[in-house]
Amino acid sequence: MPQLDTSTWFITIMSMIMTLFIVFQLKVSKYLYPSNPEPKSTTTLEQLNPWEKKWTKIYSPLSLPQQ
């Protein structure tokens, strides 16, 4: 039974790792990242909606008079 030749495994594994590294670097380099991210302000402007200006009553069907 012939013995398995492992002399090329090191070259094969190293070239695979290098290729994966290069592909990963190329994929990551396509993205544009902001150079200096700034926090957004959390203050909100108060706007009155039409339904907040007046009082409205919601009638439940059970509280309506019997017909």
C-alpha atoms as a PDB file:
ATOM      1  CA  MET A   1       0.000   0.000   0.000  1.00  0.00           C
ATOM      2  CA  PRO A   2       1.570   3.346  -1.010  1.00  0.00           C
ATOM      3  CA  GLN A   3       2.239   5.941   1.596  1.00  0.00           C
ATOM      4  CA  LEU A   4       0.406   9.290   1.449  1.00  0.00           C
ATOM      5  CA  ASP A   5       2.634  12.065   0.146  1.00  0.00           C
ATOM      6  CA  THR A   6       2.298  15.052   2.522  1.00  0.00           C
ATOM      7  CA  SER A   7       5.189  17.121   1.189  1.00  0.00           C
ATOM      8  CA  THR A   8       2.893  19.590  -0.611  1.00  0.00           C
ATOM      9  CA  TRP A   9       0.381  20.040   2.196  1.00  0.00           C
ATOM     10  CA  PHE A  10       2.246  22.917   3.800  1.00  0.00           C
ATOM     11  CA  ILE A  11       2.339  24.914   0.553  1.00  0.00           C
ATOM     12  CA  THR A  12      -1.324  24.126  -0.151  1.00  0.00           C
ATOM     13  CA  ILE A  13      -2.511  25.159   3.324  1.00  0.00           C
ATOM     14  CA  MET A  14      -0.404  28.322   3.375  1.00  0.00           C
ATOM     15  CA  SER A  15      -1.614  29.400  -0.063  1.00  0.00           C
ATOM     16  CA  MET A  16      -5.214  28.781   1.020  1.00  0.00           C
ATOM     17  CA  ILE A  17      -4.752  30.936   4.121  1.00  0.00           C
ATOM     18  CA  MET A  18      -3.122  33.699   2.100  1.00  0.00           C
ATOM     19  CA  THR A  19      -5.910  33.605  -0.490  1.00  0.00           C
ATOM     20  CA  LEU A  20      -8.600  33.768   2.176  1.00  0.00           C
ATOM     21  CA  PHE A  21      -6.835  36.669   3.851  1.00  0.00           C
ATOM     22  CA  ILE A  22      -6.547  38.604   0.582  1.00  0.00           C
ATOM     23  CA  VAL A  23     -10.181  37.963  -0.351  1.00  0.00           C
ATOM     24  CA  PHE A  24     -11.318  39.067   3.104  1.00  0.00           C
ATOM     25  CA  GLN A  25      -9.210  42.229   2.908  1.00  0.00           C
ATOM     26  CA  LEU A  26     -10.647  43.084  -0.505  1.00  0.00           C
ATOM     27  CA  LYS A  27     -14.197  42.584   0.747  1.00  0.00           C
ATOM     28  CA  VAL A  28     -13.641  44.732   3.841  1.00  0.00           C
ATOM     29  CA  SER A  29     -11.880  47.493   1.923  1.00  0.00           C
ATOM     30  CA  LYS A  30     -14.969  48.068  -0.264  1.00  0.00           C
ATOM     31  CA  TYR A  31     -16.923  49.546   2.648  1.00  0.00           C
ATOM     32  CA  LEU A  32     -16.696  53.237   3.496  1.00  0.00           C
ATOM     33  CA  TYR A  33     -16.563  53.891   7.198  1.00  0.00           C
ATOM     34  CA  PRO A  34     -17.097  57.360   8.704  1.00  0.00           C
ATOM     35  CA  SER A  35     -13.834  58.839   9.860  1.00  0.00           C
ATOM     36  CA  ASN A  36     -15.199  60.495  12.986  1.00  0.00           C
ATOM     37  CA  PRO A  37     -18.664  59.345  14.058  1.00  0.00           C
ATOM     38  CA  GLU A  38     -20.573  61.890  16.099  1.00  0.00           C
ATOM     39  CA  PRO A  39     -23.439  61.097  18.448  1.00  0.00           C
ATOM     40  CA  LYS A  40     -26.845  62.232  17.339  1.00  0.00           C
ATOM     41  CA  SER A  41     -28.719  64.658  19.523  1.00  0.00           C
ATOM     42  CA  THR A  42     -31.584  63.042  21.379  1.00  0.00           C
ATOM     43  CA  THR A  43     -33.672  66.185  21.841  1.00  0.00           C
ATOM     44  CA  THR A  44     -36.988  66.000  20.058  1.00  0.00           C
ATOM     45  CA  LEU A  45     -39.116  68.864  18.908  1.00  0.00           C
ATOM     46  CA  GLU A  46     -42.558  68.942  20.471  1.00  0.00           C
ATOM     47  CA  GLN A  47     -45.199  69.124  17.793  1.00  0.00           C
ATOM     48  CA  LEU A  48     -48.850  69.226  18.585  1.00  0.00           C
ATOM     49  CA  ASN A  49     -50.828  66.807  16.526  1.00  0.00           C
ATOM     50  CA  PRO A  50     -54.466  67.610  15.685  1.00  0.00           C
ATOM     51  CA  TRP A  51     -55.688  64.912  18.041  1.00  0.00           C
ATOM     52  CA  GLU A  52     -53.669  66.352  20.909  1.00  0.00           C
ATOM     53  CA  LYS A  53     -55.286  69.810  20.652  1.00  0.00           C
ATOM     54  CA  LYS A  54     -58.764  68.686  21.650  1.00  0.00           C
ATOM     55  CA  TRP A  55     -60.206  66.184  24.037  1.00  0.00           C
ATOM     56  CA  THR A  56     -61.866  63.226  22.416  1.00  0.00           C
ATOM     57  CA  LYS A  57     -63.958  60.551  24.039  1.00  0.00           C
ATOM     58  CA  ILE A  58     -63.904  56.974  22.855  1.00  0.00           C
ATOM     59  CA  TYR A  59     -67.162  55.199  23.419  1.00  0.00           C
ATOM     60  CA  SER A  60     -67.094  51.568  24.323  1.00  0.00           C
ATOM     61  CA  PRO A  61     -69.921  49.566  22.732  1.00  0.00           C
ATOM     62  CA  LEU A  62     -70.950  48.276  26.156  1.00  0.00           C
ATOM     63  CA  SER A  63     -71.338  51.774  27.615  1.00  0.00           C
ATOM     64  CA  LEU A  64     -73.749  52.944  24.892  1.00  0.00           C
ATOM     65  CA  PRO A  65     -77.447  52.953  25.771  1.00  0.00           C
ATOM     66  CA  GLN A  66     -79.465  49.930  24.806  1.00  0.00           C
ATOM     67  CA  GLN A  67     -81.509  50.329  21.655  1.00  0.00           C
END
